[in-house]
Amino acid sequence: MKRKILFILFCICSFSSMVASKRTGAQDRELWVKYLCRIASPVIDNLAKGTLEANMPVETGKNFYGNPRDVTYLEAVGRTLAGIAPWLALPDDNTEEGKLRKSFRTSVLKGLKNGVSPESPDCLNFTRNYQPTVDAAYLAQAFLRAPKALWEPLDTLTKQRYVTAFKSLRRNKPVYNNHLLFAAIIETFLLKVGEQVDQAKVFLACKKIEEWYVGDGWYSDGPSFSMDYYDYVIHPMLVDIYQVLKEKKIVSERQYNTAVKRMIRHSDFSERMIMPDGVFPAFGRSATYRTGAFQSLSQVALMKILPSYIHPAQVRCALTAVFVNMYDGNQNFDKNGWLVLGFNGHQPELADYYTTTGSLYMATLGFLALGLPADDYFWTNSFEEWTSCKIWSGKPSRKDYKVEY
């Protein structure tokens, strides 16, 4: 009840009905918080209460393989936390947002304990099926993104249970594509917290992903290239791995910087894909992950490494336009607030054969820049048109051309 009151108080401050050019950065931030909380609340609140399995609907793509209940709950938890982690990592304050964030963090920590407690009805599966390797990776990425908020406060037993669960996944042989990164980031997290590491999994992933770079900010997802949004998974995960490996002096500064430059170039494409009305094309696999497609753009903004010709305010305004289209209405949620299979509405025919309800919570990954504090110029600068707005209205804009990294 307290959380609902906080959320209602916060939402009163939102101005989603205002036209984009009239909103301030503070009002944009209110919308981001509103939408992220709307997406994440069912997962986080139910896990904290031990009711995730009882209350979460399970819908799958056509011809789904295996038992979706073996995988969908860890999917929802890992993916939600990977996106919300930078926001939760912000320090407490007495604003309405600050109070709401603290409430969420408290629920997340309670839920994380339930997630590996044998006594909990929501004890997550790390042993059945291969899929837990994928979603444990997102959970490990969340811990790397917000260690002081999500990992360090956990009690010793809960930490050890996660370490044991992560190590148990070594039995799985990774698929020969981006899945190599999933095994690698789990091992990278174990390295970060001082555990024994399977270095071969880390080195293999880094070596193959670099070999699969096809140029101009794009990686091939395995030996063959496919035009889809999945680079938004590859870039941030590789950069997060290299960040730790650089700290441990396992990779060079040059290797890390090259991965970062490639992600920056990919973010350039992502920003250009947002049309003046805030829509973007739905192509390739995993389109039902919705705003997850903008993870690399949001992470580059969060890291404050946007190229000089892409201003923070134009990224904020572009992403806000996307979020308003996606989440201001009810088309992407069921009556209980869970995401539904589809791109913009209930469109189960768009779901891939590996997609479940839990998969959809990749949508939170587009909100990484919410980890920038409210007084950062990303939020304080005035409205600014993004690239497609300038081009389609006949205004001067920068010519695009390939880069060599």
Protein backbone atom coordinates (compact mmCIF):
# COMPACT_ATOMS: atom_id res chain seq x y z
CA MET A 1 0.00 0.00 0.00
CA LYS A 2 2.84 2.40 0.87
CA ARG A 3 4.43 1.75 -2.54
CA LYS A 4 1.13 2.44 -4.31
CA ILE A 5 0.73 5.74 -2.48
CA LEU A 6 4.29 6.76 -3.39
CA PHE A 7 3.70 5.81 -7.00
CA ILE A 8 0.40 7.74 -7.17
CA LEU A 9 2.07 10.81 -5.68
CA PHE A 10 4.86 10.54 -8.21
CA CYS A 11 2.53 10.06 -11.16
CA ILE A 12 0.55 13.16 -10.24
CA CYS A 13 3.67 15.07 -11.25
CA SER A 14 3.81 13.50 -14.73
CA PHE A 15 2.85 15.48 -17.80
CA SER A 16 2.53 12.82 -20.47
CA SER A 17 -0.24 14.67 -22.25
CA MET A 18 1.98 17.68 -22.99
CA VAL A 19 3.56 17.91 -26.43
CA ALA A 20 7.23 16.97 -26.45
CA SER A 21 8.51 20.45 -27.27
CA LYS A 22 6.75 21.86 -24.20
CA ARG A 23 8.12 19.33 -21.70
CA THR A 24 11.12 20.09 -19.54
CA GLY A 25 13.84 17.58 -18.84
CA ALA A 26 12.46 17.15 -15.34
CA GLN A 27 9.07 16.23 -16.80
CA ASP A 28 10.73 13.79 -19.19
CA ARG A 29 12.45 12.16 -16.23
CA GLU A 30 9.12 11.82 -14.44
CA LEU A 31 7.80 9.95 -17.46
CA TRP A 32 10.82 7.64 -17.58
CA VAL A 33 10.38 6.75 -13.91
CA LYS A 34 6.66 6.28 -14.37
CA TYR A 35 7.07 3.89 -17.30
CA LEU A 36 10.00 1.95 -15.84
CA CYS A 37 8.11 1.44 -12.59
CA ARG A 38 5.02 0.39 -14.50
CA ILE A 39 6.99 -2.27 -16.34
CA ALA A 40 9.08 -3.50 -13.41
CA SER A 41 6.59 -3.40 -10.54
CA PRO A 42 4.78 -6.70 -11.23
CA VAL A 43 8.06 -8.61 -11.36
CA ILE A 44 9.73 -6.96 -8.40
CA ASP A 45 6.72 -6.81 -6.09
CA ASN A 46 5.69 -10.40 -6.70
CA LEU A 47 9.20 -11.77 -6.23
CA ALA A 48 9.46 -9.87 -2.94
CA LYS A 49 6.16 -11.36 -1.78
CA GLY A 50 6.94 -14.88 -3.00
CA THR A 51 4.06 -14.77 -5.48
CA LEU A 52 5.87 -14.46 -8.82
CA GLU A 53 5.14 -18.01 -9.98
CA ALA A 54 1.59 -17.78 -8.65
CA ASN A 55 0.70 -14.51 -10.35
CA MET A 56 2.82 -14.11 -13.46
CA PRO A 57 1.04 -15.15 -16.68
CA VAL A 58 3.00 -17.40 -19.02
CA GLU A 59 2.46 -16.88 -22.73
CA THR A 60 4.85 -18.22 -25.36
CA GLY A 61 5.74 -17.78 -28.98
CA LYS A 62 4.51 -20.36 -31.47
CA ASN A 63 6.33 -23.71 -31.32
CA PHE A 64 8.05 -22.85 -28.06
CA TYR A 65 10.41 -25.60 -27.02
CA GLY A 66 10.38 -27.19 -23.56
CA ASN A 67 8.50 -26.10 -20.47
CA PRO A 68 8.27 -22.29 -20.31
CA ARG A 69 7.80 -22.40 -16.54
CA ASP A 70 11.33 -23.72 -16.23
CA VAL A 71 12.72 -20.49 -17.66
CA THR A 72 10.28 -17.58 -17.71
CA TYR A 73 10.63 -16.45 -14.08
CA LEU A 74 14.41 -16.11 -14.12
CA GLU A 75 14.03 -14.39 -17.49
CA ALA A 76 11.72 -11.78 -15.99
CA VAL A 77 13.89 -11.21 -12.93
CA GLY A 78 17.29 -11.06 -14.63
CA ARG A 79 16.16 -8.86 -17.48
CA THR A 80 14.18 -6.47 -15.29
CA LEU A 81 17.09 -5.97 -12.91
CA ALA A 82 19.63 -5.46 -15.70
CA GLY A 83 17.61 -2.48 -16.88
CA ILE A 84 16.60 -0.97 -13.57
CA ALA A 85 20.00 -1.42 -11.85
CA PRO A 86 21.55 1.98 -12.72
CA TRP A 87 18.47 3.80 -11.38
CA LEU A 88 18.52 1.76 -8.16
CA ALA A 89 22.21 2.59 -7.77
CA LEU A 90 21.48 6.30 -7.31
CA PRO A 91 21.80 7.55 -3.70
CA ASP A 92 18.75 8.05 -1.52
CA ASP A 93 17.16 11.47 -1.29
CA ASN A 94 13.94 12.96 0.07
CA THR A 95 12.26 13.64 -3.27
CA GLU A 96 9.19 11.66 -4.28
CA GLU A 97 11.32 9.84 -6.81
CA GLY A 98 13.96 9.13 -4.19
CA LYS A 99 11.41 7.64 -1.82
CA LEU A 100 9.97 5.51 -4.61
CA ARG A 101 13.44 4.33 -5.65
CA LYS A 102 14.31 3.36 -2.07
CA SER A 103 11.07 1.39 -1.82
CA PHE A 104 11.89 -0.45 -5.04
CA ARG A 105 15.41 -1.23 -3.88
CA THR A 106 14.11 -2.67 -0.62
CA SER A 107 11.72 -4.93 -2.54
CA VAL A 108 14.45 -6.00 -4.96
CA LEU A 109 16.77 -7.07 -2.14
CA LYS A 110 13.98 -9.01 -0.49
CA GLY A 111 13.13 -10.62 -3.82
CA LEU A 112 16.75 -11.53 -4.53
CA LYS A 113 16.84 -13.44 -1.26
CA ASN A 114 13.63 -15.28 -2.21
CA GLY A 115 15.10 -16.07 -5.61
CA VAL A 116 17.65 -18.50 -4.17
CA SER A 117 15.97 -19.58 -0.95
CA PRO A 118 14.91 -23.26 -1.07
CA GLU A 119 12.02 -22.38 1.22
CA SER A 120 10.62 -19.77 -1.16
CA PRO A 121 7.88 -20.66 -3.66
CA ASP A 122 9.78 -18.39 -6.05
CA CYS A 123 13.16 -20.12 -5.79
CA LEU A 124 14.47 -19.63 -9.33
CA ASN A 125 15.56 -22.44 -11.62
CA PHE A 126 19.26 -22.50 -12.52
CA THR A 127 19.53 -26.22 -13.32
CA ARG A 128 16.81 -27.30 -15.74
CA ASN A 129 17.15 -26.33 -19.41
CA TYR A 130 19.93 -24.31 -21.06
CA GLN A 131 18.06 -20.98 -20.90
CA PRO A 132 19.08 -20.15 -17.29
CA THR A 133 22.58 -19.43 -18.59
CA VAL A 134 21.10 -16.60 -20.64
CA ASP A 135 19.14 -15.00 -17.86
CA ALA A 136 21.64 -15.58 -15.10
CA ALA A 137 23.87 -13.49 -17.38
CA TYR A 138 21.47 -10.56 -17.16
CA LEU A 139 21.33 -10.98 -13.41
CA ALA A 140 25.13 -10.98 -13.26
CA GLN A 141 25.12 -7.86 -15.43
CA ALA A 142 22.72 -6.20 -12.99
CA PHE A 143 25.08 -7.00 -10.12
CA LEU A 144 27.99 -5.51 -12.10
CA ARG A 145 25.98 -2.38 -12.88
CA ALA A 146 24.89 -1.73 -9.31
CA PRO A 147 27.13 -3.66 -6.90
CA LYS A 148 26.59 -1.37 -3.94
CA ALA A 149 22.81 -1.36 -4.37
CA LEU A 150 22.13 -4.96 -5.39
CA TRP A 151 25.05 -7.21 -4.39
CA GLU A 152 26.84 -5.85 -1.35
CA PRO A 153 23.69 -5.50 0.82
CA LEU A 154 22.81 -9.20 0.40
CA ASP A 155 23.52 -11.47 3.34
CA THR A 156 26.41 -13.93 3.14
CA LEU A 157 24.22 -17.00 2.62
CA THR A 158 22.27 -15.40 -0.24
CA LYS A 159 25.50 -14.33 -1.93
CA GLN A 160 26.91 -17.84 -1.65
CA ARG A 161 23.74 -19.31 -3.09
CA TYR A 162 24.02 -17.07 -6.16
CA VAL A 163 27.69 -17.92 -6.57
CA THR A 164 26.83 -21.62 -6.39
CA ALA A 165 23.98 -21.18 -8.85
CA PHE A 166 26.20 -19.29 -11.29
CA LYS A 167 28.95 -21.89 -11.10
CA SER A 168 26.43 -24.67 -11.69
CA LEU A 169 25.79 -23.24 -15.15
CA ARG A 170 29.29 -24.23 -16.28
CA ARG A 171 27.81 -27.59 -17.21
CA ASN A 172 26.11 -25.93 -20.22
CA LYS A 173 27.97 -25.65 -23.48
CA PRO A 174 27.27 -22.19 -24.93
CA VAL A 175 25.59 -21.84 -28.31
CA TYR A 176 28.05 -20.62 -30.95
CA ASN A 177 26.75 -17.07 -31.24
CA ASN A 178 26.12 -14.16 -28.85
CA HIS A 179 25.40 -16.78 -26.17
CA LEU A 180 29.15 -17.02 -25.65
CA LEU A 181 28.86 -13.64 -23.94
CA PHE A 182 26.28 -14.95 -21.47
CA ALA A 183 28.66 -17.56 -20.09
CA ALA A 184 31.47 -14.99 -20.14
CA ILE A 185 29.69 -12.28 -18.17
CA ILE A 186 28.71 -14.78 -15.47
CA GLU A 187 32.38 -15.71 -15.13
CA THR A 188 33.32 -12.01 -15.23
CA PHE A 189 31.02 -11.31 -12.32
CA LEU A 190 32.57 -14.20 -10.38
CA LEU A 191 35.99 -12.70 -11.12
CA LYS A 192 34.77 -9.33 -9.86
CA VAL A 193 33.70 -10.77 -6.51
CA GLY A 194 36.86 -12.80 -6.02
CA GLU A 195 35.66 -16.26 -7.00
CA GLN A 196 37.47 -18.88 -9.08
CA VAL A 197 36.87 -18.25 -12.78
CA ASP A 198 36.59 -20.42 -15.86
CA GLN A 199 38.88 -18.22 -17.95
CA ALA A 200 38.36 -20.27 -21.11
CA LYS A 201 34.72 -19.18 -21.33
CA VAL A 202 35.71 -15.54 -21.03
CA PHE A 203 38.56 -15.67 -23.53
CA LEU A 204 36.56 -17.68 -26.07
CA ALA A 205 33.69 -15.19 -26.00
CA CYS A 206 35.94 -12.15 -26.38
CA LYS A 207 37.95 -13.75 -29.17
CA LYS A 208 34.94 -14.88 -31.20
CA ILE A 209 32.94 -11.68 -30.80
CA GLU A 210 35.92 -9.67 -32.01
CA GLU A 211 36.28 -12.04 -34.96
CA TRP A 212 32.60 -11.55 -35.74
CA TYR A 213 32.89 -7.78 -36.02
CA VAL A 214 31.76 -6.89 -39.54
CA GLY A 215 32.48 -3.16 -39.41
CA ASP A 216 30.80 0.22 -38.90
CA GLY A 217 29.56 -0.63 -35.40
CA TRP A 218 27.94 -3.99 -36.22
CA TYR A 219 28.75 -7.48 -35.03
CA SER A 220 27.63 -10.69 -36.65
CA ASP A 221 25.60 -12.81 -34.24
CA GLY A 222 27.70 -15.91 -34.85
CA PRO A 223 29.42 -16.74 -38.16
CA SER A 224 26.60 -15.31 -40.31
CA PHE A 225 25.23 -11.77 -40.19
CA SER A 226 21.55 -10.99 -39.64
CA MET A 227 20.05 -7.51 -39.67
CA ASP A 228 18.24 -7.15 -36.36
CA TYR A 229 18.51 -5.29 -33.10
CA TYR A 230 20.55 -7.95 -31.32
CA ASP A 231 23.71 -5.85 -31.41
CA TYR A 232 22.11 -3.91 -28.57
CA VAL A 233 22.80 -7.00 -26.44
CA ILE A 234 26.28 -7.69 -27.78
CA HIS A 235 27.79 -4.21 -27.41
CA PRO A 236 26.84 -3.45 -23.78
CA MET A 237 27.64 -6.95 -22.55
CA LEU A 238 31.05 -6.98 -24.21
CA VAL A 239 31.86 -3.51 -22.87
CA ASP A 240 30.78 -4.49 -19.35
CA ILE A 241 32.98 -7.60 -19.54
CA TYR A 242 35.95 -5.63 -20.84
CA GLN A 243 35.50 -3.02 -18.10
CA VAL A 244 36.18 -5.66 -15.44
CA LEU A 245 38.94 -7.35 -17.45
CA LYS A 246 40.63 -3.98 -17.91
CA GLU A 247 40.45 -3.32 -14.18
CA LYS A 248 42.05 -6.72 -13.57
CA LYS A 249 44.69 -5.95 -16.27
CA ILE A 250 43.58 -8.97 -18.33
CA VAL A 251 42.81 -6.94 -21.45
CA SER A 252 44.50 -3.79 -22.63
CA GLU A 253 43.15 -0.26 -22.57
CA ARG A 254 43.19 -0.39 -26.37
CA GLN A 255 40.92 -3.47 -26.49
CA TYR A 256 38.46 -1.85 -24.11
CA ASN A 257 38.47 1.46 -25.99
CA THR A 258 37.88 -0.28 -29.32
CA ALA A 259 34.81 -2.06 -27.92
CA VAL A 260 33.53 1.23 -26.54
CA LYS A 261 34.04 3.07 -29.86
CA ARG A 262 32.10 0.36 -31.68
CA MET A 263 29.24 0.67 -29.19
CA ILE A 264 29.23 4.43 -29.67
CA ARG A 265 28.90 3.95 -33.43
CA HIS A 266 26.03 1.52 -32.91
CA SER A 267 24.33 4.07 -30.65
CA ASP A 268 24.61 6.56 -33.52
CA PHE A 269 22.52 4.23 -35.71
CA SER A 270 20.05 3.71 -32.85
CA GLU A 271 19.44 7.43 -32.47
CA ARG A 272 18.90 7.83 -36.22
CA MET A 273 16.32 5.03 -36.23
CA ILE A 274 13.94 7.06 -34.05
CA MET A 275 11.55 8.90 -36.36
CA PRO A 276 10.18 12.38 -35.67
CA ASP A 277 6.96 10.92 -34.20
CA GLY A 278 8.86 8.58 -31.88
CA VAL A 279 8.34 5.34 -33.80
CA PHE A 280 11.07 2.98 -34.95
CA PRO A 281 11.10 0.03 -37.36
CA ALA A 282 10.19 -3.45 -36.12
CA PHE A 283 12.51 -5.78 -37.97
CA GLY A 284 14.54 -8.88 -37.20
CA ARG A 285 14.22 -11.29 -34.32
CA SER A 286 13.30 -10.38 -30.75
CA ALA A 287 11.21 -7.39 -31.85
CA THR A 288 8.92 -8.09 -28.89
CA TYR A 289 11.64 -6.81 -26.57
CA ARG A 290 10.40 -3.37 -27.55
CA THR A 291 12.51 -0.58 -26.04
CA GLY A 292 15.34 -2.97 -25.20
CA ALA A 293 16.45 -2.14 -28.73
CA PHE A 294 17.92 1.11 -27.38
CA GLN A 295 20.20 -0.36 -24.73
CA SER A 296 23.44 0.66 -26.43
CA LEU A 297 22.19 4.23 -26.96
CA SER A 298 21.03 4.49 -23.37
CA GLN A 299 24.26 3.01 -22.02
CA VAL A 300 26.41 5.37 -24.06
CA ALA A 301 24.36 8.25 -22.62
CA LEU A 302 24.73 6.82 -19.11
CA MET A 303 28.50 6.54 -19.56
CA LYS A 304 28.54 10.15 -20.86
CA ILE A 305 30.44 9.17 -24.00
CA LEU A 306 28.00 10.26 -26.69
CA PRO A 307 29.77 11.56 -29.81
CA SER A 308 30.04 15.34 -29.91
CA TYR A 309 27.44 15.63 -32.66
CA ILE A 310 24.76 13.80 -30.63
CA HIS A 311 23.72 15.93 -27.68
CA PRO A 312 22.39 14.37 -24.47
CA ALA A 313 19.14 16.34 -24.67
CA GLN A 314 18.33 15.04 -28.16
CA VAL A 315 18.81 11.46 -26.94
CA ARG A 316 16.57 12.13 -23.95
CA CYS A 317 13.88 13.67 -26.12
CA ALA A 318 14.08 10.93 -28.76
CA LEU A 319 13.80 8.13 -26.19
CA THR A 320 11.01 9.93 -24.36
CA ALA A 321 9.03 10.05 -27.60
CA VAL A 322 9.52 6.29 -28.01
CA PHE A 323 8.53 5.57 -24.41
CA VAL A 324 5.38 7.68 -24.68
CA ASN A 325 4.32 5.74 -27.78
CA MET A 326 5.00 2.40 -26.15
CA TYR A 327 3.91 2.83 -22.56
CA ASP A 328 1.55 5.75 -22.12
CA GLY A 329 -1.42 3.66 -23.20
CA ASN A 330 -2.54 0.21 -22.12
CA GLN A 331 -1.91 -1.68 -25.36
CA ASN A 332 1.29 -3.36 -24.13
CA PHE A 333 -0.01 -4.48 -20.74
CA ASP A 334 -2.63 -6.94 -19.59
CA LYS A 335 -5.28 -6.05 -17.01
CA ASN A 336 -2.87 -6.86 -14.17
CA GLY A 337 -0.01 -4.82 -15.56
CA TRP A 338 2.14 -7.57 -17.10
CA LEU A 339 3.72 -7.06 -20.51
CA VAL A 340 2.01 -8.92 -23.35
CA LEU A 341 3.62 -10.61 -26.35
CA GLY A 342 3.90 -8.15 -29.20
CA PHE A 343 5.67 -5.02 -30.40
CA ASN A 344 2.97 -2.41 -29.89
CA GLY A 345 -0.04 -4.30 -28.65
CA HIS A 346 -0.87 -7.96 -28.14
CA GLN A 347 0.68 -9.44 -31.28
CA PRO A 348 1.74 -12.99 -30.36
CA GLU A 349 2.41 -13.80 -34.00
CA LEU A 350 5.48 -11.52 -33.75
CA ALA A 351 7.01 -13.55 -30.92
CA ASP A 352 9.92 -15.86 -31.65
CA TYR A 353 9.82 -19.56 -30.80
CA TYR A 354 12.04 -18.92 -27.74
CA THR A 355 9.95 -16.05 -26.36
CA THR A 356 7.93 -16.20 -23.15
CA THR A 357 6.35 -13.50 -21.02
CA GLY A 358 9.55 -13.26 -19.01
CA SER A 359 11.56 -12.55 -22.16
CA LEU A 360 9.71 -9.28 -22.69
CA TYR A 361 11.34 -7.58 -19.70
CA MET A 362 14.34 -6.79 -21.87
CA ALA A 363 12.25 -3.65 -22.44
CA THR A 364 13.79 -2.15 -19.29
CA LEU A 365 17.22 -2.02 -20.94
CA GLY A 366 16.28 1.13 -22.83
CA PHE A 367 16.02 3.00 -19.52
CA LEU A 368 19.69 2.75 -18.45
CA ALA A 369 20.22 6.50 -18.72
CA LEU A 370 17.81 6.94 -15.81
CA GLY A 371 20.91 6.14 -13.75
CA LEU A 372 22.08 9.70 -14.47
CA PRO A 373 21.11 11.94 -11.52
CA ALA A 374 18.33 14.45 -11.95
CA ASP A 375 20.75 17.38 -11.99
CA ASP A 376 22.80 15.97 -14.88
CA TYR A 377 22.63 18.01 -18.08
CA PHE A 378 21.03 15.01 -19.79
CA TRP A 379 17.93 16.08 -17.84
CA THR A 380 18.49 19.79 -17.29
CA ASN A 381 19.14 20.87 -20.90
CA SER A 382 16.20 22.17 -22.90
CA PHE A 383 14.26 20.21 -25.50
CA GLU A 384 16.28 19.39 -28.57
CA GLU A 385 15.27 17.76 -31.83
CA TRP A 386 16.93 14.46 -32.68
CA THR A 387 18.52 13.62 -36.02
CA SER A 388 15.45 12.43 -37.93
CA CYS A 389 13.46 15.49 -36.79
CA LYS A 390 16.07 17.78 -38.29
CA ILE A 391 16.38 15.83 -41.53
CA TRP A 392 12.64 15.39 -42.15
CA SER A 393 11.93 19.06 -41.44
CA GLY A 394 14.59 20.21 -43.88
CA LYS A 395 16.97 21.58 -41.26
CA PRO A 396 20.76 21.30 -41.43
CA SER A 397 22.04 17.98 -40.12
CA ARG A 398 25.24 15.99 -40.07
CA LYS A 399 25.93 13.66 -42.99
CA ASP A 400 26.39 10.05 -41.94
CA TYR A 401 29.32 7.94 -43.09
CA LYS A 402 30.91 4.70 -42.00
CA VAL A 403 33.70 4.60 -39.42
CA GLU A 404 36.72 2.32 -39.21
CA TYR A 405 37.58 0.78 -35.84
